[in-house]
Amino acid sequence: MQQIIEKWRRDRINSSLSELRRLVPTAFEKQGSSKMEKAKILQMTVDHLKMLHAIGDTDA
């Protein structure tokens, strides 16, 4: 039972990482290249969110 739960958890993580890769422009641009590390996808997401946050702060 524990193995099934762990597989389900890993599948959810991988699915979310795939979605982030599609949503973050810099990650999407590199989609054709070799498989991207999970840490790289997360870092690109953080960088993109920081950029959006900075843009939002200047619009106020």
N, C-alpha and C. Protein backbone atom coordinates (compact mmCIF):
# COMPACT_ATOMS: atom_id res chain seq x y z
N MET A 1 0.83 -1.21 0.00
CA MET A 1 0.00 0.00 0.00
C MET A 1 0.87 1.27 0.00
N GLN A 2 1.94 1.23 0.80
CA GLN A 2 2.84 2.39 0.87
C GLN A 2 3.47 2.68 -0.49
N GLN A 3 3.81 1.64 -1.25
CA GLN A 3 4.40 1.83 -2.57
C GLN A 3 3.43 2.51 -3.53
N ILE A 4 2.17 2.17 -3.42
CA ILE A 4 1.14 2.78 -4.27
C ILE A 4 1.00 4.26 -3.95
N ILE A 5 0.99 4.58 -2.67
CA ILE A 5 0.87 5.97 -2.24
C ILE A 5 2.07 6.78 -2.71
N GLU A 6 3.26 6.20 -2.59
CA GLU A 6 4.48 6.88 -3.03
C GLU A 6 4.47 7.09 -4.54
N LYS A 7 4.03 6.12 -5.30
CA LYS A 7 3.94 6.27 -6.76
C LYS A 7 2.96 7.36 -7.12
N TRP A 8 1.82 7.41 -6.44
CA TRP A 8 0.81 8.43 -6.69
C TRP A 8 1.39 9.82 -6.39
N ARG A 9 2.15 9.93 -5.29
CA ARG A 9 2.77 11.21 -4.93
C ARG A 9 3.78 11.64 -6.00
N ARG A 10 4.64 10.72 -6.44
CA ARG A 10 5.62 11.04 -7.48
C ARG A 10 4.94 11.42 -8.79
N ASP A 11 3.87 10.73 -9.14
CA ASP A 11 3.12 11.05 -10.36
C ASP A 11 2.54 12.45 -10.29
N ARG A 12 2.01 12.84 -9.14
CA ARG A 12 1.46 14.20 -8.96
C ARG A 12 2.56 15.25 -9.10
N ILE A 13 3.72 14.99 -8.48
CA ILE A 13 4.84 15.92 -8.58
C ILE A 13 5.28 16.07 -10.04
N ASN A 14 5.46 14.95 -10.72
CA ASN A 14 5.89 14.99 -12.12
C ASN A 14 4.87 15.68 -13.02
N SER A 15 3.61 15.45 -12.77
CA SER A 15 2.55 16.10 -13.54
C SER A 15 2.58 17.61 -13.34
N SER A 16 2.75 18.03 -12.11
CA SER A 16 2.82 19.47 -11.81
C SER A 16 4.06 20.10 -12.42
N LEU A 17 5.17 19.40 -12.38
CA LEU A 17 6.39 19.92 -13.00
C LEU A 17 6.23 20.05 -14.51
N SER A 18 5.56 19.09 -15.13
CA SER A 18 5.30 19.18 -16.57
C SER A 18 4.42 20.37 -16.88
N GLU A 19 3.43 20.62 -16.04
CA GLU A 19 2.56 21.77 -16.25
C GLU A 19 3.33 23.07 -16.09
N LEU A 20 4.19 23.15 -15.08
CA LEU A 20 5.02 24.34 -14.91
C LEU A 20 5.90 24.57 -16.13
N ARG A 21 6.45 23.50 -16.65
CA ARG A 21 7.32 23.63 -17.83
C ARG A 21 6.54 24.21 -19.01
N ARG A 22 5.26 23.85 -19.14
CA ARG A 22 4.44 24.40 -20.22
C ARG A 22 4.05 25.85 -19.95
N LEU A 23 3.89 26.23 -18.70
CA LEU A 23 3.39 27.56 -18.35
C LEU A 23 4.47 28.64 -18.28
N VAL A 24 5.69 28.25 -17.93
CA VAL A 24 6.77 29.23 -17.77
C VAL A 24 7.46 29.41 -19.12
N PRO A 25 7.44 30.63 -19.64
CA PRO A 25 7.96 30.86 -21.00
C PRO A 25 9.38 30.36 -21.23
N THR A 26 10.31 30.63 -20.32
CA THR A 26 11.69 30.21 -20.54
C THR A 26 11.83 28.70 -20.53
N ALA A 27 11.03 28.03 -19.73
CA ALA A 27 11.07 26.56 -19.70
C ALA A 27 10.43 26.00 -20.96
N PHE A 28 9.35 26.63 -21.41
CA PHE A 28 8.66 26.17 -22.62
C PHE A 28 9.57 26.29 -23.84
N GLU A 29 10.36 27.38 -23.89
CA GLU A 29 11.28 27.59 -25.01
C GLU A 29 12.33 26.48 -25.10
N LYS A 30 12.69 25.92 -23.96
CA LYS A 30 13.71 24.86 -23.94
C LYS A 30 13.09 23.48 -24.04
N GLN A 31 11.82 23.40 -24.33
CA GLN A 31 11.09 22.14 -24.35
C GLN A 31 11.68 21.13 -25.33
N GLY A 32 12.20 21.61 -26.45
CA GLY A 32 12.74 20.71 -27.46
C GLY A 32 14.07 20.11 -27.07
N SER A 33 14.75 20.73 -26.10
CA SER A 33 16.05 20.21 -25.69
C SER A 33 15.89 18.96 -24.84
N SER A 34 17.00 18.42 -24.40
CA SER A 34 16.96 17.20 -23.61
C SER A 34 16.15 17.42 -22.33
N LYS A 35 15.83 16.34 -21.69
CA LYS A 35 14.99 16.40 -20.49
C LYS A 35 15.58 17.38 -19.48
N MET A 36 14.74 18.28 -19.02
CA MET A 36 15.17 19.31 -18.10
C MET A 36 15.08 18.79 -16.66
N GLU A 37 16.08 19.13 -15.84
CA GLU A 37 16.06 18.72 -14.44
C GLU A 37 14.89 19.38 -13.71
N LYS A 38 14.34 18.66 -12.76
CA LYS A 38 13.22 19.17 -11.98
C LYS A 38 13.61 20.45 -11.24
N ALA A 39 14.83 20.47 -10.71
CA ALA A 39 15.30 21.66 -9.99
C ALA A 39 15.37 22.86 -10.92
N LYS A 40 15.76 22.64 -12.18
CA LYS A 40 15.85 23.73 -13.15
C LYS A 40 14.46 24.29 -13.47
N ILE A 41 13.48 23.42 -13.61
CA ILE A 41 12.11 23.86 -13.86
C ILE A 41 11.61 24.71 -12.69
N LEU A 42 11.88 24.25 -11.48
CA LEU A 42 11.46 25.00 -10.30
C LEU A 42 12.17 26.35 -10.22
N GLN A 43 13.46 26.39 -10.53
CA GLN A 43 14.20 27.65 -10.49
C GLN A 43 13.68 28.62 -11.53
N MET A 44 13.39 28.13 -12.73
CA MET A 44 12.83 28.99 -13.78
C MET A 44 11.46 29.53 -13.36
N THR A 45 10.68 28.72 -12.68
CA THR A 45 9.38 29.15 -12.20
C THR A 45 9.52 30.25 -11.17
N VAL A 46 10.44 30.08 -10.23
CA VAL A 46 10.68 31.10 -9.20
C VAL A 46 11.14 32.39 -9.86
N ASP A 47 12.08 32.30 -10.80
CA ASP A 47 12.58 33.49 -11.50
C ASP A 47 11.45 34.20 -12.25
N HIS A 48 10.60 33.43 -12.90
CA HIS A 48 9.49 34.01 -13.66
C HIS A 48 8.50 34.71 -12.72
N LEU A 49 8.19 34.07 -11.61
CA LEU A 49 7.26 34.69 -10.64
C LEU A 49 7.84 35.97 -10.05
N LYS A 50 9.14 35.97 -9.77
CA LYS A 50 9.79 37.18 -9.26
C LYS A 50 9.69 38.31 -10.28
N MET A 51 9.91 37.96 -11.56
CA MET A 51 9.83 38.96 -12.61
C MET A 51 8.40 39.52 -12.72
N LEU A 52 7.42 38.63 -12.68
CA LEU A 52 6.03 39.09 -12.73
C LEU A 52 5.68 39.96 -11.54
N HIS A 53 6.19 39.60 -10.39
CA HIS A 53 5.95 40.37 -9.17
C HIS A 53 6.58 41.76 -9.30
N ALA A 54 7.80 41.84 -9.84
CA ALA A 54 8.48 43.12 -10.02
C ALA A 54 7.71 43.98 -11.01
N ILE A 55 7.23 43.39 -12.08
CA ILE A 55 6.44 44.14 -13.07
C ILE A 55 5.15 44.65 -12.43
N GLY A 56 4.52 43.83 -11.63
CA GLY A 56 3.30 44.23 -10.95
C GLY A 56 3.51 45.36 -9.99
N ASP A 57 4.67 45.40 -9.33
CA ASP A 57 4.98 46.47 -8.39
C ASP A 57 5.17 47.80 -9.09
N THR A 58 5.68 47.79 -10.32
CA THR A 58 5.92 49.03 -11.03
C THR A 58 4.66 49.58 -11.67
N ASP A 59 3.64 48.73 -11.85
CA ASP A 59 2.39 49.18 -12.47
C ASP A 59 1.52 49.95 -11.50
N ALA A 60 1.77 49.85 -10.22
CA ALA A 60 0.90 50.47 -9.21
C ALA A 60 1.07 51.97 -9.16
